[in-house]
Amino acid sequence: MEPITFTARRHPFPNEASVDFGLQLVGSLPVHTLTTMPMLPWVVAEVRRLSGQSSKKEPGTQQVRLYVSPSGLRCEPESGRSQQWDPLICSTVFQCKPQHVHKLIHNSHDPSYFACLIKDSAGSQQSICYVFKADDQTKVSGR
């Protein structure tokens, strides 16, 4: 008996225009929601340092796709162009409403990296700082 296969195109934000970016997720780190902008470069440096340590054992970065639309932000592991999307194995790294992104940082000394601070849901006192790296730094810079 042959397995049943189907092809389904998945839209992260149905009925909306969205922009998506292919990036590397360097890592993430939970921080307090009162973390200020001057503190973020140290948080980003720590995420990058931890990613460098883990890359000796296993790859620290992960290819992801970041979808941005007026109603949300969604980050998913990159499944590859040739691979079909499978709802049973596809997972979401994070998904949030735009108002939950409360800080963005871009390093002018290393323009291929950027980070965003996302408030944890349920009124928690924690946020998560996600650090991304783009292969094309013009996709990240504010030009």
N, C-alpha and C. Protein backbone atom coordinates (compact mmCIF):
# COMPACT_ATOMS: atom_id res chain seq x y z
N MET A 1 0.83 -1.16 0.00
CA MET A 1 0.00 0.00 0.00
C MET A 1 0.89 1.25 0.00
N GLU A 2 0.60 2.17 -0.90
CA GLU A 2 1.39 3.39 -1.00
C GLU A 2 0.88 4.44 -0.01
N PRO A 3 1.81 5.22 0.56
CA PRO A 3 1.36 6.26 1.50
C PRO A 3 0.60 7.36 0.75
N ILE A 4 -0.30 7.98 1.44
CA ILE A 4 -1.05 9.10 0.88
C ILE A 4 -0.21 10.36 1.03
N THR A 5 -0.03 11.08 -0.06
CA THR A 5 0.72 12.32 0.00
C THR A 5 -0.13 13.46 -0.55
N PHE A 6 0.16 14.64 -0.08
CA PHE A 6 -0.54 15.81 -0.58
C PHE A 6 0.39 17.01 -0.46
N THR A 7 0.11 18.02 -1.22
CA THR A 7 0.87 19.25 -1.15
C THR A 7 -0.06 20.36 -0.69
N ALA A 8 0.32 21.01 0.37
CA ALA A 8 -0.49 22.10 0.90
C ALA A 8 0.42 23.30 1.09
N ARG A 9 0.02 24.41 0.56
CA ARG A 9 0.80 25.64 0.77
C ARG A 9 0.29 26.30 2.04
N ARG A 10 1.20 26.60 2.90
CA ARG A 10 0.86 27.15 4.20
C ARG A 10 1.17 28.63 4.22
N HIS A 11 0.22 29.42 4.65
CA HIS A 11 0.41 30.85 4.79
C HIS A 11 0.40 31.19 6.27
N PRO A 12 1.50 31.76 6.79
CA PRO A 12 1.55 32.05 8.21
C PRO A 12 0.51 33.08 8.64
N PHE A 13 0.18 34.02 7.76
CA PHE A 13 -0.82 35.03 8.08
C PHE A 13 -1.80 35.09 6.92
N PRO A 14 -2.84 34.26 6.94
CA PRO A 14 -3.79 34.23 5.83
C PRO A 14 -4.46 35.59 5.64
N ASN A 15 -4.78 35.90 4.41
CA ASN A 15 -5.48 37.13 4.03
C ASN A 15 -4.69 38.40 4.33
N GLU A 16 -3.38 38.30 4.45
CA GLU A 16 -2.55 39.47 4.72
C GLU A 16 -1.29 39.43 3.87
N ALA A 17 -0.83 40.61 3.55
CA ALA A 17 0.47 40.69 2.89
C ALA A 17 1.54 40.52 3.97
N SER A 18 2.49 39.68 3.70
CA SER A 18 3.58 39.50 4.66
C SER A 18 4.91 39.47 3.91
N VAL A 19 5.95 39.77 4.62
CA VAL A 19 7.31 39.74 4.08
C VAL A 19 8.05 38.66 4.86
N ASP A 20 8.85 37.87 4.15
CA ASP A 20 9.61 36.86 4.88
C ASP A 20 11.09 36.97 4.54
N PHE A 21 11.90 36.58 5.51
CA PHE A 21 13.35 36.67 5.39
C PHE A 21 13.97 35.33 5.77
N GLY A 22 14.95 34.89 5.01
CA GLY A 22 15.74 33.72 5.36
C GLY A 22 16.92 34.17 6.21
N LEU A 23 17.00 33.71 7.44
CA LEU A 23 18.02 34.15 8.39
C LEU A 23 18.61 32.96 9.12
N GLN A 24 19.65 33.23 9.89
CA GLN A 24 20.18 32.25 10.83
C GLN A 24 19.79 32.71 12.22
N LEU A 25 19.19 31.82 12.99
CA LEU A 25 18.91 32.11 14.39
C LEU A 25 20.17 31.74 15.16
N VAL A 26 20.86 32.74 15.68
CA VAL A 26 22.10 32.52 16.41
C VAL A 26 21.80 31.91 17.77
N GLY A 27 20.76 32.41 18.41
CA GLY A 27 20.37 31.90 19.71
C GLY A 27 19.40 32.84 20.40
N SER A 28 19.06 32.48 21.61
CA SER A 28 18.14 33.30 22.39
C SER A 28 18.51 33.20 23.86
N LEU A 29 18.04 34.18 24.61
CA LEU A 29 18.35 34.23 26.03
C LEU A 29 17.20 34.92 26.75
N PRO A 30 16.67 34.32 27.82
CA PRO A 30 15.63 35.02 28.59
C PRO A 30 16.24 36.15 29.42
N VAL A 31 15.54 37.28 29.44
CA VAL A 31 15.99 38.44 30.21
C VAL A 31 14.77 39.05 30.89
N HIS A 32 15.02 39.93 31.83
CA HIS A 32 13.93 40.63 32.53
C HIS A 32 13.30 41.64 31.58
N THR A 33 12.00 41.86 31.69
CA THR A 33 11.31 42.79 30.79
C THR A 33 11.78 44.23 30.95
N LEU A 34 12.43 44.57 32.04
CA LEU A 34 12.93 45.92 32.24
C LEU A 34 14.33 46.12 31.66
N THR A 35 14.80 45.16 30.89
CA THR A 35 16.11 45.30 30.24
C THR A 35 16.08 46.53 29.34
N THR A 36 17.09 47.37 29.47
CA THR A 36 17.12 48.63 28.73
C THR A 36 17.96 48.50 27.46
N MET A 37 17.81 49.47 26.56
CA MET A 37 18.57 49.47 25.31
C MET A 37 20.08 49.43 25.54
N PRO A 38 20.63 50.21 26.50
CA PRO A 38 22.08 50.13 26.71
C PRO A 38 22.56 48.75 27.16
N MET A 39 21.69 47.93 27.73
CA MET A 39 22.07 46.59 28.18
C MET A 39 22.04 45.57 27.05
N LEU A 40 21.28 45.84 25.99
CA LEU A 40 21.10 44.85 24.93
C LEU A 40 22.39 44.43 24.21
N PRO A 41 23.34 45.33 23.95
CA PRO A 41 24.58 44.84 23.31
C PRO A 41 25.28 43.74 24.11
N TRP A 42 25.23 43.83 25.44
CA TRP A 42 25.84 42.78 26.27
C TRP A 42 25.04 41.48 26.19
N VAL A 43 23.72 41.60 26.11
CA VAL A 43 22.88 40.40 25.96
C VAL A 43 23.19 39.72 24.63
N VAL A 44 23.27 40.51 23.57
CA VAL A 44 23.57 39.97 22.23
C VAL A 44 24.95 39.32 22.23
N ALA A 45 25.94 39.97 22.84
CA ALA A 45 27.28 39.40 22.92
C ALA A 45 27.27 38.07 23.67
N GLU A 46 26.48 37.98 24.72
CA GLU A 46 26.39 36.73 25.49
C GLU A 46 25.75 35.63 24.65
N VAL A 47 24.70 35.96 23.90
CA VAL A 47 24.06 34.96 23.03
C VAL A 47 25.05 34.47 21.98
N ARG A 48 25.78 35.39 21.39
CA ARG A 48 26.78 35.01 20.38
C ARG A 48 27.89 34.16 21.00
N ARG A 49 28.33 34.50 22.21
CA ARG A 49 29.37 33.73 22.90
C ARG A 49 28.88 32.32 23.19
N LEU A 50 27.65 32.20 23.70
CA LEU A 50 27.09 30.88 23.99
C LEU A 50 26.92 30.06 22.71
N SER A 51 26.54 30.72 21.63
CA SER A 51 26.40 30.03 20.34
C SER A 51 27.74 29.51 19.85
N GLY A 52 28.80 30.29 20.06
CA GLY A 52 30.14 29.87 19.68
C GLY A 52 30.62 28.67 20.47
N GLN A 53 30.25 28.61 21.75
CA GLN A 53 30.62 27.47 22.59
C GLN A 53 29.89 26.21 22.15
N SER A 54 28.60 26.35 21.83
CA SER A 54 27.83 25.17 21.45
C SER A 54 28.22 24.67 20.06
N SER A 55 28.76 25.57 19.21
CA SER A 55 29.12 25.13 17.86
C SER A 55 30.29 24.17 17.86
N LYS A 56 31.06 24.14 18.95
CA LYS A 56 32.14 23.16 19.04
C LYS A 56 31.59 21.75 19.21
N LYS A 57 30.44 21.66 19.89
CA LYS A 57 29.81 20.35 20.11
C LYS A 57 28.84 20.02 18.99
N GLU A 58 28.02 21.00 18.63
CA GLU A 58 27.00 20.84 17.59
C GLU A 58 26.75 22.20 16.98
N PRO A 59 26.15 22.27 15.80
CA PRO A 59 25.93 23.57 15.19
C PRO A 59 25.06 24.46 16.08
N GLY A 60 25.51 25.70 16.31
CA GLY A 60 24.78 26.61 17.18
C GLY A 60 23.70 27.39 16.45
N THR A 61 23.93 27.69 15.17
CA THR A 61 22.94 28.46 14.43
C THR A 61 21.98 27.54 13.71
N GLN A 62 20.80 28.08 13.45
CA GLN A 62 19.74 27.32 12.80
C GLN A 62 19.14 28.18 11.71
N GLN A 63 18.99 27.63 10.51
CA GLN A 63 18.36 28.37 9.42
C GLN A 63 16.86 28.50 9.74
N VAL A 64 16.36 29.74 9.67
CA VAL A 64 14.96 30.00 9.97
C VAL A 64 14.38 30.93 8.91
N ARG A 65 13.08 31.02 8.91
CA ARG A 65 12.35 31.95 8.07
C ARG A 65 11.56 32.85 9.00
N LEU A 66 11.73 34.16 8.88
CA LEU A 66 11.05 35.13 9.71
C LEU A 66 9.98 35.81 8.86
N TYR A 67 8.72 35.63 9.26
CA TYR A 67 7.58 36.22 8.56
C TYR A 67 7.11 37.45 9.34
N VAL A 68 6.94 38.56 8.65
CA VAL A 68 6.50 39.80 9.28
C VAL A 68 5.25 40.29 8.55
N SER A 69 4.21 40.57 9.31
CA SER A 69 2.97 41.10 8.75
C SER A 69 2.38 42.10 9.74
N PRO A 70 1.36 42.83 9.32
CA PRO A 70 0.75 43.80 10.25
C PRO A 70 0.18 43.16 11.52
N SER A 71 -0.19 41.90 11.46
CA SER A 71 -0.80 41.28 12.64
C SER A 71 0.15 40.37 13.43
N GLY A 72 1.38 40.18 12.97
CA GLY A 72 2.25 39.32 13.75
C GLY A 72 3.63 39.09 13.18
N LEU A 73 4.40 38.44 14.00
CA LEU A 73 5.77 38.05 13.69
C LEU A 73 5.86 36.55 13.97
N ARG A 74 6.40 35.80 13.01
CA ARG A 74 6.48 34.35 13.18
C ARG A 74 7.84 33.88 12.68
N CYS A 75 8.46 33.00 13.46
CA CYS A 75 9.76 32.45 13.11
C CYS A 75 9.64 30.93 13.07
N GLU A 76 10.03 30.35 11.94
CA GLU A 76 9.95 28.90 11.76
C GLU A 76 11.27 28.36 11.26
N PRO A 77 11.59 27.12 11.61
CA PRO A 77 12.78 26.49 11.04
C PRO A 77 12.65 26.41 9.52
N GLU A 78 13.73 26.64 8.82
CA GLU A 78 13.73 26.58 7.36
C GLU A 78 13.74 25.12 6.96
N SER A 79 12.73 24.72 6.21
CA SER A 79 12.63 23.31 5.81
C SER A 79 13.34 23.03 4.50
N GLY A 80 13.75 24.05 3.80
CA GLY A 80 14.41 23.87 2.51
C GLY A 80 13.41 24.03 1.39
N ARG A 81 13.89 24.44 0.26
CA ARG A 81 13.02 24.72 -0.89
C ARG A 81 12.41 23.45 -1.47
N SER A 82 13.16 22.35 -1.45
CA SER A 82 12.70 21.14 -2.11
C SER A 82 11.82 20.27 -1.21
N GLN A 83 11.82 20.55 0.06
CA GLN A 83 11.07 19.72 0.99
C GLN A 83 9.65 20.26 1.16
N GLN A 84 8.68 19.37 1.17
CA GLN A 84 7.29 19.76 1.39
C GLN A 84 7.07 20.11 2.85
N TRP A 85 6.18 21.04 3.09
CA TRP A 85 5.82 21.40 4.45
C TRP A 85 4.97 20.28 5.03
N ASP A 86 5.34 19.81 6.19
CA ASP A 86 4.62 18.73 6.85
C ASP A 86 4.08 19.26 8.17
N PRO A 87 2.76 19.35 8.34
CA PRO A 87 2.21 19.90 9.58
C PRO A 87 2.53 19.06 10.81
N LEU A 88 2.94 17.82 10.62
CA LEU A 88 3.24 16.96 11.76
C LEU A 88 4.66 17.16 12.29
N ILE A 89 5.56 17.66 11.44
CA ILE A 89 6.93 17.84 11.90
C ILE A 89 7.38 19.30 11.95
N CYS A 90 6.61 20.19 11.35
CA CYS A 90 6.98 21.60 11.34
C CYS A 90 6.65 22.23 12.69
N SER A 91 7.60 22.97 13.23
CA SER A 91 7.36 23.63 14.50
C SER A 91 7.63 25.12 14.33
N THR A 92 7.16 25.88 15.27
CA THR A 92 7.37 27.31 15.26
C THR A 92 8.35 27.65 16.37
N VAL A 93 9.37 28.44 16.05
CA VAL A 93 10.32 28.88 17.06
C VAL A 93 9.61 29.86 17.99
N PHE A 94 8.93 30.85 17.39
CA PHE A 94 8.08 31.75 18.16
C PHE A 94 7.08 32.42 17.23
N GLN A 95 6.01 32.88 17.81
CA GLN A 95 5.00 33.64 17.09
C GLN A 95 4.43 34.65 18.08
N CYS A 96 4.31 35.90 17.66
CA CYS A 96 3.80 36.92 18.57
C CYS A 96 3.11 38.03 17.80
N LYS A 97 2.37 38.83 18.53
CA LYS A 97 1.76 40.02 17.96
C LYS A 97 2.81 41.13 17.93
N PRO A 98 2.65 42.10 17.03
CA PRO A 98 3.67 43.15 16.92
C PRO A 98 3.89 43.92 18.23
N GLN A 99 2.86 44.10 19.03
CA GLN A 99 3.01 44.85 20.27
C GLN A 99 3.86 44.12 21.31
N HIS A 100 4.14 42.83 21.11
CA HIS A 100 4.99 42.10 22.04
C HIS A 100 6.48 42.25 21.73
N VAL A 101 6.79 42.79 20.55
CA VAL A 101 8.19 43.11 20.23
C VAL A 101 8.45 44.48 20.82
N HIS A 102 9.21 44.53 21.92
CA HIS A 102 9.34 45.82 22.57
C HIS A 102 10.70 46.46 22.45
N LYS A 103 11.69 45.77 21.88
CA LYS A 103 12.98 46.40 21.61
C LYS A 103 13.62 45.71 20.41
N LEU A 104 14.27 46.50 19.58
CA LEU A 104 15.06 46.00 18.46
C LEU A 104 16.45 46.60 18.56
N ILE A 105 17.45 45.84 18.19
CA ILE A 105 18.81 46.36 18.21
C ILE A 105 19.52 45.91 16.95
N HIS A 106 20.28 46.85 16.39
CA HIS A 106 21.07 46.58 15.20
C HIS A 106 22.47 47.10 15.47
N ASN A 107 23.47 46.28 15.26
CA ASN A 107 24.85 46.66 15.56
C ASN A 107 25.49 47.28 14.32
N SER A 108 25.82 48.55 14.38
CA SER A 108 26.41 49.21 13.22
C SER A 108 27.82 48.71 12.93
N HIS A 109 28.50 48.10 13.92
CA HIS A 109 29.84 47.56 13.70
C HIS A 109 29.80 46.21 13.00
N ASP A 110 28.71 45.49 13.15
CA ASP A 110 28.54 44.19 12.49
C ASP A 110 27.12 44.15 11.93
N PRO A 111 26.88 44.76 10.76
CA PRO A 111 25.53 44.98 10.26
C PRO A 111 24.75 43.73 9.87
N SER A 112 25.37 42.57 9.87
CA SER A 112 24.61 41.37 9.52
C SER A 112 23.84 40.79 10.71
N TYR A 113 24.10 41.29 11.91
CA TYR A 113 23.41 40.80 13.12
C TYR A 113 22.36 41.80 13.59
N PHE A 114 21.25 41.27 14.09
CA PHE A 114 20.26 42.09 14.77
C PHE A 114 19.56 41.24 15.81
N ALA A 115 18.89 41.89 16.73
CA ALA A 115 18.21 41.17 17.81
C ALA A 115 16.87 41.83 18.08
N CYS A 116 15.94 41.05 18.60
CA CYS A 116 14.67 41.60 19.03
C CYS A 116 14.33 41.02 20.40
N LEU A 117 13.71 41.85 21.19
CA LEU A 117 13.29 41.47 22.53
C LEU A 117 11.78 41.30 22.50
N ILE A 118 11.31 40.11 22.83
CA ILE A 118 9.89 39.80 22.76
C ILE A 118 9.38 39.48 24.14
N LYS A 119 8.30 40.17 24.52
CA LYS A 119 7.69 39.95 25.83
C LYS A 119 7.09 38.55 25.89
N ASP A 120 7.33 37.89 26.98
CA ASP A 120 6.72 36.58 27.22
C ASP A 120 5.25 36.80 27.52
N SER A 121 4.42 35.90 27.08
CA SER A 121 2.98 36.06 27.31
C SER A 121 2.61 35.79 28.76
N ALA A 122 1.38 36.01 29.08
CA ALA A 122 0.80 35.75 30.41
C ALA A 122 1.34 36.68 31.49
N GLY A 123 1.72 37.89 31.12
CA GLY A 123 2.12 38.88 32.12
C GLY A 123 3.38 38.53 32.88
N SER A 124 4.21 37.70 32.33
CA SER A 124 5.45 37.31 32.98
C SER A 124 6.41 38.49 33.05
N GLN A 125 7.35 38.44 33.96
CA GLN A 125 8.36 39.47 34.07
C GLN A 125 9.58 39.14 33.20
N GLN A 126 9.41 38.22 32.25
CA GLN A 126 10.51 37.82 31.40
C GLN A 126 10.24 38.17 29.95
N SER A 127 11.31 38.44 29.25
CA SER A 127 11.29 38.59 27.80
C SER A 127 12.35 37.64 27.26
N ILE A 128 12.31 37.43 25.95
CA ILE A 128 13.32 36.59 25.33
C ILE A 128 14.00 37.42 24.25
N CYS A 129 15.31 37.43 24.27
CA CYS A 129 16.09 38.15 23.27
C CYS A 129 16.52 37.13 22.21
N TYR A 130 16.04 37.31 20.99
CA TYR A 130 16.41 36.45 19.86
C TYR A 130 17.45 37.19 19.02
N VAL A 131 18.54 36.52 18.69
CA VAL A 131 19.60 37.11 17.89
C VAL A 131 19.63 36.41 16.54
N PHE A 132 19.61 37.21 15.48
CA PHE A 132 19.59 36.70 14.11
C PHE A 132 20.80 37.20 13.34
N LYS A 133 21.18 36.43 12.32
CA LYS A 133 22.24 36.84 11.41
C LYS A 133 21.72 36.66 9.99
N ALA A 134 21.92 37.69 9.19
CA ALA A 134 21.52 37.63 7.78
C ALA A 134 22.75 37.42 6.92
N ASP A 135 22.62 36.62 5.87
CA ASP A 135 23.73 36.43 4.94
C ASP A 135 23.98 37.72 4.16
N ASP A 136 22.91 38.45 3.87
CA ASP A 136 22.99 39.71 3.15
C ASP A 136 22.72 40.84 4.12
N GLN A 137 23.77 41.58 4.50
CA GLN A 137 23.59 42.61 5.52
C GLN A 137 22.69 43.75 5.07
N THR A 138 22.44 43.89 3.76
CA THR A 138 21.53 44.94 3.30
C THR A 138 20.08 44.61 3.64
N LYS A 139 19.80 43.36 3.93
CA LYS A 139 18.45 42.97 4.34
C LYS A 139 18.16 43.35 5.77
N VAL A 140 19.21 43.67 6.54
CA VAL A 140 19.05 43.99 7.96
C VAL A 140 19.18 45.48 8.22
N SER A 141 20.10 46.11 7.54
CA SER A 141 20.38 47.51 7.85
C SER A 141 19.20 48.41 7.52
N GLY A 142 19.14 49.51 8.20
CA GLY A 142 18.02 50.44 8.04
C GLY A 142 18.24 51.43 6.91
N ARG A 143 18.78 51.00 5.79
CA ARG A 143 19.02 51.90 4.66
C ARG A 143 17.77 52.09 3.84
